Amino acid sequence: MAQKNVANSFLPYMPYQTMSWSNAELTKVLLSNTGGTKDPKGVNASRYAQVIISLDFNKFNLRWRKESTDICFHTTDQLFGTNNFFTYSHRFFEEAFYYLFSPFRPPEYLKKTSQRDETIPAGTICESETPHIGQGGGCEGQIQKLWTIIISSGSVVNMAETGISSVIVGQGDKQVLVLLIPVLDPSCTPDQYLQKYALDVDKVVGNFWVNLGRIMNGIGMELKLEETYVSTSLLNYGKDIIYNGSYLSGSLKKMSKTYSDVNDIYPTVRDRLAAISTSAQAATMKGFDAICPYMVSMLESLNTLGRECRYGSTNKERLKELLAAEGVEWNDDLKLLSLPTPPDAGGFPVIPFPALMYRGHPDTYMAYFIWVKHLSKYFPVAKRLLGYLSSEFSIEPNKEFSHSIQDPHAVNHEKTRSTSNQMRDVLLVSLRHQ
């Protein structure tokens, strides 16, 4: 409710934030401040040279404190006529109970072997290594809009103290400042001025930077220098990369995140392949074509499966040995078969090409089926796979209704149960016997 009230009633009057802007409004501002829509005959185009500063803050959420937010939150309470509603929103973090969840390390006082203090009532929450009370900082997604207003206000104070005007585009800890450096030499264009008086411009930007760091330190913020940069032509805001007023493809940035490992404690082959497919989707969304991301994802998927065959990094044995035990050879036909087979039919979560072209289609199975049908025109093994998927022999005789509840478009193909489902069954049996 707090976020909604601020967004609808407060942010429209704050010119230095993007949270309430439409995509068209944001695009217009970004392009106009990187040379894309500037009128060369305009007054500002000849009087000011633009320098872009992209800011990022270290531990943005955790560095907020009640002392640095009270003035803004109390003023917001006065504007809305609420009694201590917004002012309490940060004190909530100090009074909340946090638990660092880990199934391998429960709190000591909950273990049966721990010495229990009989004077403490049962069910009382206690602090130990993993749970704690009294956190001074905030949390992700909570009162983010008011934090953005405070950060933007600090940038406005810096403009007043340094005398350098700037356009602020910001959301949370991501802030972009477009400095308007006065062109003091009438014979120079803005670009010529930046080259001819580079040392003077560096001094102005340096003073602006140092004073901004001092102001931000005053409210507990620390600039993350490794992700903060100064440029006269490049602007990277969120997922958008703009150079001299032109959008650049984000495919390379997204494909560079095609890691073989994912952030799991025990990554499996399926998790790794799913991470590759996710990167391909992101690269397609931010790029201009779907062919390159698809080709990279296919090669990375085959490379991942090939490593499992040679080394077996996630299995007890090499994948090639496990296949040989079942009388299966890792050949070209099996490699091709491993890519387009739908997960509903026991395949890996490797994204098909139609899913990149028409992202968000509610029936994901049809994207796989259509792609297999297309491949069947060129590859005999794909034609046999199409025949199997279309036959009654591929359907599970015992209907699995839970699968259909999770995905109404699911097809109950006969396949081996996933490892997670098998582990769930074992745990459920163990719990029932407790």
Protein backbone atom coordinates (compact mmCIF):
# COMPACT_ATOMS: atom_id res chain seq x y z
CA MET A 1 0.00 0.00 0.00
CA ALA A 2 2.85 2.39 0.81
CA GLN A 3 4.51 1.82 -2.57
CA LYS A 4 1.21 2.26 -4.42
CA ASN A 5 0.39 5.55 -2.69
CA VAL A 6 3.83 6.97 -3.41
CA ALA A 7 3.75 5.83 -7.06
CA ASN A 8 0.31 7.27 -7.83
CA SER A 9 0.32 10.47 -5.79
CA PHE A 10 3.95 11.47 -5.27
CA LEU A 11 6.25 10.29 -8.06
CA PRO A 12 4.49 12.11 -10.94
CA TYR A 13 5.74 15.36 -9.37
CA MET A 14 9.34 14.11 -9.05
CA PRO A 15 11.20 14.80 -12.33
CA TYR A 16 14.29 12.79 -11.37
CA GLN A 17 12.91 9.24 -11.24
CA THR A 18 11.85 6.70 -13.87
CA MET A 19 9.64 4.36 -11.82
CA SER A 20 6.39 5.98 -12.98
CA TRP A 21 7.52 6.62 -16.56
CA SER A 22 6.25 4.73 -19.57
CA ASN A 23 8.72 2.97 -21.84
CA ALA A 24 8.21 5.66 -24.49
CA GLU A 25 8.98 8.46 -22.01
CA LEU A 26 12.12 6.72 -20.77
CA THR A 27 13.34 6.04 -24.32
CA LYS A 28 12.82 9.69 -25.29
CA VAL A 29 14.85 10.96 -22.34
CA LEU A 30 17.67 8.44 -22.84
CA LEU A 31 18.03 9.23 -26.55
CA SER A 32 17.76 12.98 -26.05
CA ASN A 33 20.65 12.89 -23.59
CA THR A 34 23.01 10.79 -25.71
CA GLY A 35 22.88 12.77 -28.94
CA GLY A 36 19.99 10.93 -30.57
CA THR A 37 17.36 13.68 -30.70
CA LYS A 38 19.34 16.83 -29.97
CA ASP A 39 18.62 19.69 -32.36
CA PRO A 40 22.02 20.97 -33.61
CA LYS A 41 20.44 24.41 -34.09
CA GLY A 42 19.00 24.49 -30.59
CA VAL A 43 20.27 26.81 -27.88
CA ASN A 44 21.26 24.07 -25.44
CA ALA A 45 23.02 22.09 -28.15
CA SER A 46 25.49 24.93 -28.72
CA ARG A 47 25.86 26.21 -25.14
CA TYR A 48 26.43 22.95 -23.27
CA ALA A 49 28.57 19.85 -23.69
CA GLN A 50 27.19 16.66 -22.19
CA VAL A 51 29.13 14.27 -19.95
CA ILE A 52 27.44 11.10 -18.72
CA ILE A 53 28.12 9.71 -15.24
CA SER A 54 26.65 6.31 -14.38
CA LEU A 55 26.45 5.65 -10.65
CA ASP A 56 26.09 2.43 -8.71
CA PHE A 57 26.06 2.08 -4.94
CA ASN A 58 27.61 -0.59 -2.76
CA LYS A 59 25.12 -2.57 -0.60
CA PHE A 60 22.39 -0.05 -1.41
CA ASN A 61 19.62 -1.68 0.67
CA LEU A 62 21.68 -2.55 3.73
CA ARG A 63 23.24 0.91 4.11
CA TRP A 64 20.00 2.75 4.80
CA ARG A 65 19.34 3.75 8.40
CA LYS A 66 16.46 5.28 10.30
CA GLU A 67 18.47 8.49 10.79
CA SER A 68 19.01 8.97 7.03
CA THR A 69 15.37 8.33 6.09
CA ASP A 70 13.37 9.93 8.92
CA ILE A 71 13.12 13.42 7.40
CA CYS A 72 11.84 12.20 4.03
CA PHE A 73 9.50 9.62 5.55
CA HIS A 74 8.10 12.06 8.12
CA THR A 75 7.45 14.63 5.36
CA THR A 76 5.67 11.94 3.33
CA ASP A 77 3.46 11.21 6.35
CA GLN A 78 2.56 14.89 6.55
CA LEU A 79 1.71 15.06 2.83
CA PHE A 80 -0.55 12.01 2.99
CA GLY A 81 -2.02 12.86 6.39
CA THR A 82 -0.94 9.52 7.83
CA ASN A 83 0.13 9.11 11.42
CA ASN A 84 3.63 7.61 11.52
CA PHE A 85 2.79 5.19 8.68
CA PHE A 86 5.78 5.88 6.41
CA THR A 87 8.05 6.81 9.31
CA TYR A 88 7.57 3.35 10.81
CA SER A 89 8.32 1.60 7.50
CA HIS A 90 12.07 1.62 8.16
CA ARG A 91 11.82 0.81 11.86
CA PHE A 92 9.99 -2.34 10.71
CA PHE A 93 13.35 -3.73 9.56
CA GLU A 94 14.86 -3.21 13.00
CA GLU A 95 12.01 -5.06 14.70
CA ALA A 96 11.71 -7.90 12.16
CA PHE A 97 13.15 -11.38 12.74
CA TYR A 98 15.56 -12.56 10.03
CA TYR A 99 16.50 -16.15 9.42
CA LEU A 100 19.33 -17.16 7.09
CA PHE A 101 17.63 -20.22 5.66
CA SER A 102 19.73 -23.34 5.19
CA PRO A 103 18.39 -26.90 5.44
CA PHE A 104 21.88 -28.02 6.45
CA ARG A 105 22.23 -25.67 9.42
CA PRO A 106 19.10 -25.15 11.51
CA PRO A 107 19.33 -22.80 14.51
CA GLU A 108 21.20 -24.37 17.42
CA TYR A 109 18.38 -23.88 19.92
CA LEU A 110 16.02 -25.95 17.74
CA LYS A 111 18.23 -29.02 17.75
CA LYS A 112 17.22 -31.86 20.06
CA THR A 113 20.79 -32.11 21.37
CA SER A 114 20.95 -28.46 22.47
CA GLN A 115 20.63 -27.47 26.11
CA ARG A 116 17.27 -25.77 26.47
CA ASP A 117 16.72 -22.96 28.95
CA GLU A 118 13.61 -24.04 30.84
CA THR A 119 12.83 -20.44 31.80
CA ILE A 120 12.19 -19.55 28.14
CA PRO A 121 8.61 -20.40 27.03
CA ALA A 122 8.26 -22.93 24.23
CA GLY A 123 7.97 -21.37 20.78
CA THR A 124 9.99 -18.29 21.70
CA ILE A 125 12.15 -16.97 18.86
CA CYS A 126 15.80 -16.71 19.86
CA GLU A 127 18.91 -15.37 18.17
CA SER A 128 21.79 -17.65 17.20
CA GLU A 129 24.21 -18.07 14.28
CA THR A 130 21.55 -17.91 11.54
CA PRO A 131 18.56 -15.92 12.94
CA HIS A 132 18.92 -12.35 14.15
CA ILE A 133 16.87 -9.34 15.23
CA GLY A 134 17.73 -5.65 15.01
CA GLN A 135 18.94 -5.24 11.43
CA GLY A 136 19.65 -1.58 10.78
CA GLY A 137 19.42 -1.67 6.99
CA GLY A 138 16.53 -2.30 4.64
CA CYS A 139 15.58 -5.10 2.26
CA GLU A 140 15.23 -5.40 -1.50
CA GLY A 141 11.96 -4.08 -2.90
CA GLN A 142 10.77 -2.39 0.31
CA ILE A 143 10.13 1.40 0.20
CA GLN A 144 12.45 1.53 -2.84
CA LYS A 145 10.62 4.53 -4.28
CA LEU A 146 11.25 6.72 -1.25
CA TRP A 147 14.91 5.69 -1.23
CA THR A 148 15.12 6.79 -4.87
CA ILE A 149 13.71 10.20 -3.93
CA ILE A 150 16.38 10.62 -1.22
CA ILE A 151 19.20 9.67 -3.62
CA SER A 152 17.88 12.03 -6.31
CA SER A 153 17.60 14.81 -3.72
CA GLY A 154 21.27 14.32 -2.86
CA SER A 155 22.14 14.75 -6.54
CA VAL A 156 20.11 17.98 -6.66
CA VAL A 157 22.02 19.30 -3.63
CA ASN A 158 25.27 18.49 -5.41
CA MET A 159 24.15 20.49 -8.46
CA ALA A 160 23.42 23.50 -6.24
CA GLU A 161 26.79 23.30 -4.47
CA THR A 162 28.91 22.80 -7.61
CA GLY A 163 26.93 25.04 -9.95
CA ILE A 164 26.82 22.31 -12.62
CA SER A 165 23.37 21.46 -13.93
CA SER A 166 22.57 17.87 -14.83
CA VAL A 167 19.73 15.68 -15.99
CA ILE A 168 19.05 12.87 -13.50
CA VAL A 169 17.63 9.55 -14.63
CA GLY A 170 17.39 7.14 -11.73
CA GLN A 171 15.76 4.17 -10.11
CA GLY A 172 17.02 2.80 -6.81
CA ASP A 173 20.79 2.35 -6.77
CA LYS A 174 21.08 2.82 -10.56
CA GLN A 175 21.48 6.54 -11.24
CA VAL A 176 22.59 8.24 -14.46
CA LEU A 177 23.63 11.91 -14.39
CA VAL A 178 24.03 13.84 -17.66
CA LEU A 179 26.21 16.83 -16.76
CA LEU A 180 25.68 20.01 -18.79
CA ILE A 181 29.15 21.57 -19.06
CA PRO A 182 28.96 25.22 -20.25
CA VAL A 183 30.81 25.84 -23.54
CA LEU A 184 32.84 28.93 -22.62
CA ASP A 185 34.55 29.26 -26.02
CA PRO A 186 32.02 30.58 -28.60
CA SER A 187 34.17 29.34 -31.48
CA CYS A 188 33.82 25.68 -30.39
CA THR A 189 31.03 23.20 -30.81
CA PRO A 190 30.33 21.01 -27.75
CA ASP A 191 32.38 18.12 -29.18
CA GLN A 192 35.26 20.44 -30.08
CA TYR A 193 35.14 21.99 -26.61
CA LEU A 194 35.42 18.58 -24.94
CA GLN A 195 38.54 17.82 -26.98
CA LYS A 196 40.20 21.24 -26.82
CA TYR A 197 39.56 21.86 -23.12
CA ALA A 198 39.72 18.25 -21.92
CA LEU A 199 41.78 19.12 -18.82
CA ASP A 200 39.33 21.82 -17.75
CA VAL A 201 36.40 19.47 -18.28
CA ASP A 202 38.17 16.75 -16.28
CA LYS A 203 38.63 19.19 -13.41
CA VAL A 204 34.95 20.20 -13.44
CA VAL A 205 33.79 16.57 -13.57
CA GLY A 206 36.29 15.62 -10.85
CA ASN A 207 35.03 18.32 -8.48
CA PHE A 208 31.44 17.29 -9.21
CA TRP A 209 32.36 13.65 -8.51
CA VAL A 210 34.20 14.33 -5.24
CA ASN A 211 31.43 16.53 -3.87
CA LEU A 212 28.79 13.96 -4.85
CA GLY A 213 30.70 11.24 -3.01
CA ARG A 214 30.85 13.45 0.10
CA ILE A 215 27.09 14.06 0.03
CA MET A 216 26.29 10.39 -0.48
CA ASN A 217 28.61 9.39 2.35
CA GLY A 218 26.66 11.79 4.55
CA ILE A 219 23.55 9.63 4.16
CA GLY A 220 25.51 6.39 4.53
CA MET A 221 25.90 5.54 0.83
CA GLU A 222 29.14 4.38 -0.80
CA LEU A 223 29.78 4.54 -4.54
CA LYS A 224 30.69 1.22 -6.15
CA LEU A 225 33.68 2.44 -8.15
CA GLU A 226 34.11 -0.73 -10.24
CA GLU A 227 30.62 -0.24 -11.73
CA THR A 228 30.68 3.57 -11.98
CA TYR A 229 31.96 5.26 -15.14
CA VAL A 230 32.19 8.62 -16.95
CA SER A 231 31.60 8.89 -20.71
CA THR A 232 30.71 11.43 -23.38
CA SER A 233 28.96 8.97 -25.71
CA LEU A 234 28.00 5.72 -23.93
CA LEU A 235 24.96 5.22 -21.70
CA ASN A 236 24.11 1.87 -20.14
CA TYR A 237 20.83 2.09 -18.26
CA GLY A 238 19.35 -1.15 -17.03
CA LYS A 239 19.39 -3.55 -19.98
CA ASP A 240 19.68 -0.79 -22.60
CA ILE A 241 23.00 0.16 -24.22
CA ILE A 242 22.99 3.46 -26.14
CA TYR A 243 25.99 4.86 -28.03
CA ASN A 244 25.78 8.35 -29.52
CA GLY A 245 22.01 8.19 -29.58
CA SER A 246 21.73 4.73 -31.16
CA TYR A 247 20.57 1.57 -29.44
CA LEU A 248 23.08 -1.27 -29.53
CA SER A 249 22.21 -4.93 -29.50
CA GLY A 250 22.30 -6.48 -26.06
CA SER A 251 22.81 -9.99 -27.42
CA LEU A 252 26.54 -10.08 -26.75
CA LYS A 253 26.03 -8.89 -23.17
CA LYS A 254 23.40 -11.56 -22.54
CA MET A 255 25.24 -14.38 -24.31
CA SER A 256 28.36 -13.63 -22.26
CA LYS A 257 26.34 -14.81 -19.25
CA THR A 258 25.91 -18.30 -20.71
CA TYR A 259 27.71 -19.99 -17.86
CA SER A 260 28.11 -23.74 -17.67
CA ASP A 261 27.34 -23.59 -13.95
CA VAL A 262 24.34 -22.10 -12.20
CA ASN A 263 23.84 -20.81 -8.69
CA ASP A 264 22.80 -24.12 -7.19
CA ILE A 265 24.56 -25.99 -4.42
CA TYR A 266 24.47 -29.19 -6.48
CA PRO A 267 23.98 -28.20 -10.15
CA THR A 268 22.61 -30.89 -12.44
CA VAL A 269 22.83 -31.27 -16.20
CA ARG A 270 19.23 -30.07 -16.53
CA ASP A 271 19.93 -26.95 -14.45
CA ARG A 272 22.93 -26.08 -16.60
CA LEU A 273 21.03 -26.53 -19.85
CA ALA A 274 18.10 -24.51 -18.49
CA ALA A 275 20.50 -21.65 -17.62
CA ILE A 276 21.85 -21.68 -21.18
CA SER A 277 18.32 -21.51 -22.61
CA THR A 278 17.45 -18.62 -20.30
CA SER A 279 20.49 -16.70 -21.55
CA ALA A 280 19.40 -17.35 -25.15
CA GLN A 281 15.94 -15.93 -24.42
CA ALA A 282 17.40 -12.81 -22.82
CA ALA A 283 19.84 -12.31 -25.72
CA THR A 284 17.02 -12.61 -28.26
CA MET A 285 14.85 -10.14 -26.38
CA LYS A 286 17.60 -7.49 -26.29
CA GLY A 287 19.00 -8.18 -29.78
CA PHE A 288 17.89 -7.87 -33.38
CA ASP A 289 17.72 -11.53 -34.42
CA ALA A 290 17.12 -14.97 -32.93
CA ILE A 291 19.49 -17.04 -35.05
CA CYS A 292 22.76 -16.14 -33.29
CA PRO A 293 21.44 -16.72 -29.73
CA TYR A 294 19.89 -20.01 -30.87
CA MET A 295 23.13 -21.23 -32.47
CA VAL A 296 25.18 -20.26 -29.42
CA SER A 297 22.74 -21.98 -27.06
CA MET A 298 22.77 -25.18 -29.16
CA LEU A 299 26.58 -25.28 -29.27
CA GLU A 300 26.82 -24.58 -25.53
CA SER A 301 24.24 -27.28 -24.79
CA LEU A 302 26.12 -29.85 -26.87
CA ASN A 303 29.38 -28.76 -25.26
CA THR A 304 27.86 -29.25 -21.80
CA LEU A 305 26.60 -32.73 -22.69
CA GLY A 306 29.98 -33.54 -24.25
CA ARG A 307 31.80 -32.62 -21.04
CA GLU A 308 29.45 -34.86 -19.09
CA CYS A 309 30.25 -37.72 -21.48
CA ARG A 310 34.00 -37.21 -21.12
CA TYR A 311 34.37 -36.21 -17.47
CA GLY A 312 31.07 -36.69 -15.61
CA SER A 313 31.30 -33.56 -13.46
CA THR A 314 27.76 -33.83 -12.03
CA ASN A 315 27.25 -37.61 -12.06
CA LYS A 316 29.01 -40.39 -10.23
CA GLU A 317 30.14 -41.79 -13.57
CA ARG A 318 30.70 -40.35 -17.01
CA LEU A 319 27.54 -39.92 -19.06
CA LYS A 320 28.99 -42.07 -21.85
CA GLU A 321 29.45 -44.96 -19.40
CA LEU A 322 25.92 -44.55 -18.05
CA LEU A 323 24.55 -44.65 -21.60
CA ALA A 324 26.68 -47.68 -22.48
CA ALA A 325 25.23 -49.54 -19.49
CA GLU A 326 21.81 -49.06 -21.10
CA GLY A 327 23.09 -50.18 -24.50
CA VAL A 328 23.04 -46.66 -25.96
CA GLU A 329 25.87 -45.03 -27.91
CA TRP A 330 26.59 -41.30 -27.78
CA ASN A 331 26.60 -40.66 -31.54
CA ASP A 332 25.43 -37.90 -33.88
CA ASP A 333 21.83 -39.17 -33.91
CA LEU A 334 21.63 -39.11 -30.12
CA LYS A 335 23.18 -35.63 -30.03
CA LEU A 336 20.51 -34.38 -32.42
CA LEU A 337 17.81 -36.21 -30.49
CA SER A 338 18.88 -34.64 -27.18
CA LEU A 339 18.23 -31.08 -28.39
CA PRO A 340 14.60 -30.92 -29.69
CA THR A 341 12.98 -33.60 -27.51
CA PRO A 342 10.29 -31.90 -25.36
CA PRO A 343 10.83 -32.00 -21.57
CA ASP A 344 7.31 -33.46 -21.31
CA ALA A 345 8.63 -36.47 -23.23
CA GLY A 346 11.75 -36.82 -21.08
CA GLY A 347 14.00 -34.39 -22.96
CA PHE A 348 16.32 -31.71 -21.64
CA PRO A 349 15.10 -28.11 -21.13
CA VAL A 350 16.80 -26.95 -24.35
CA ILE A 351 14.80 -24.13 -25.91
CA PRO A 352 13.49 -24.68 -29.48
CA PHE A 353 13.81 -22.00 -32.13
CA PRO A 354 10.05 -21.13 -32.28
CA ALA A 355 10.12 -20.33 -28.54
CA LEU A 356 12.70 -17.60 -29.26
CA MET A 357 10.60 -16.17 -32.07
CA TYR A 358 7.31 -16.22 -30.14
CA ARG A 359 8.31 -15.86 -26.52
CA GLY A 360 5.55 -16.17 -23.94
CA HIS A 361 3.31 -18.59 -25.84
CA PRO A 362 1.14 -20.37 -23.24
CA ASP A 363 1.53 -23.82 -24.86
CA THR A 364 5.27 -24.49 -24.66
CA TYR A 365 4.84 -28.09 -25.78
CA MET A 366 3.60 -27.00 -29.21
CA ALA A 367 6.76 -24.95 -29.74
CA TYR A 368 8.80 -28.15 -29.35
CA PHE A 369 6.38 -30.19 -31.48
CA ILE A 370 6.38 -27.67 -34.35
CA TRP A 371 10.18 -27.53 -34.31
CA VAL A 372 10.47 -31.34 -34.38
CA LYS A 373 8.02 -31.38 -37.32
CA HIS A 374 10.20 -28.88 -39.18
CA LEU A 375 13.41 -30.83 -38.47
CA SER A 376 11.75 -34.07 -39.60
CA LYS A 377 11.97 -32.81 -43.21
CA TYR A 378 15.78 -32.89 -43.06
CA PHE A 379 16.82 -35.43 -40.42
CA PRO A 380 15.61 -39.06 -40.29
CA VAL A 381 16.05 -39.26 -36.51
CA ALA A 382 13.78 -36.21 -36.08
CA LYS A 383 11.20 -37.89 -38.30
CA ARG A 384 11.24 -40.97 -36.07
CA LEU A 385 10.92 -38.73 -33.00
CA LEU A 386 7.88 -37.04 -34.56
CA GLY A 387 6.28 -40.42 -35.17
CA TYR A 388 6.94 -41.45 -31.56
CA LEU A 389 5.44 -38.25 -30.13
CA SER A 390 2.35 -38.67 -32.30
CA SER A 391 1.79 -42.32 -31.39
CA GLU A 392 -0.17 -43.80 -28.53
CA PHE A 393 2.91 -45.72 -27.41
CA SER A 394 4.45 -42.51 -26.03
CA ILE A 395 1.53 -41.78 -23.69
CA GLU A 396 1.74 -42.71 -20.01
CA PRO A 397 -0.90 -45.39 -19.25
CA ASN A 398 -1.34 -44.05 -15.70
CA LYS A 399 -2.48 -40.44 -15.85
CA GLU A 400 -0.39 -37.99 -13.82
CA PHE A 401 -2.93 -35.34 -12.81
CA SER A 402 -0.45 -33.28 -10.77
CA HIS A 403 1.47 -32.54 -13.96
CA SER A 404 -1.68 -31.33 -15.70
CA ILE A 405 -2.56 -29.12 -12.73
CA GLN A 406 0.84 -27.41 -12.91
CA ASP A 407 0.60 -27.02 -16.70
CA PRO A 408 -2.86 -27.36 -18.32
CA HIS A 409 -1.20 -27.79 -21.73
CA ALA A 410 0.96 -30.70 -20.58
CA VAL A 411 0.99 -34.00 -22.45
CA ASN A 412 1.41 -37.09 -20.29
CA HIS A 413 4.19 -38.77 -22.23
CA GLU A 414 5.74 -41.83 -20.65
CA LYS A 415 9.07 -40.85 -19.14
CA THR A 416 11.27 -41.48 -16.14
CA ARG A 417 10.46 -39.46 -13.04
CA SER A 418 12.78 -36.60 -12.25
CA THR A 419 15.32 -36.89 -9.44
CA SER A 420 13.59 -34.15 -7.45
CA ASN A 421 10.26 -36.01 -7.55
CA GLN A 422 11.91 -39.25 -6.45
CA MET A 423 13.59 -37.47 -3.53
CA ARG A 424 10.26 -35.87 -2.63
CA ASP A 425 8.61 -39.29 -2.45
CA VAL A 426 11.37 -40.61 -0.17
CA LEU A 427 11.05 -37.59 2.13
CA LEU A 428 7.25 -37.87 2.27
CA VAL A 429 7.49 -41.52 3.27
CA SER A 430 10.02 -40.64 5.97
CA LEU A 431 7.85 -37.84 7.33
CA ARG A 432 4.78 -40.05 7.50
CA HIS A 433 6.68 -42.54 9.66
CA GLN A 434 7.89 -39.91 12.13
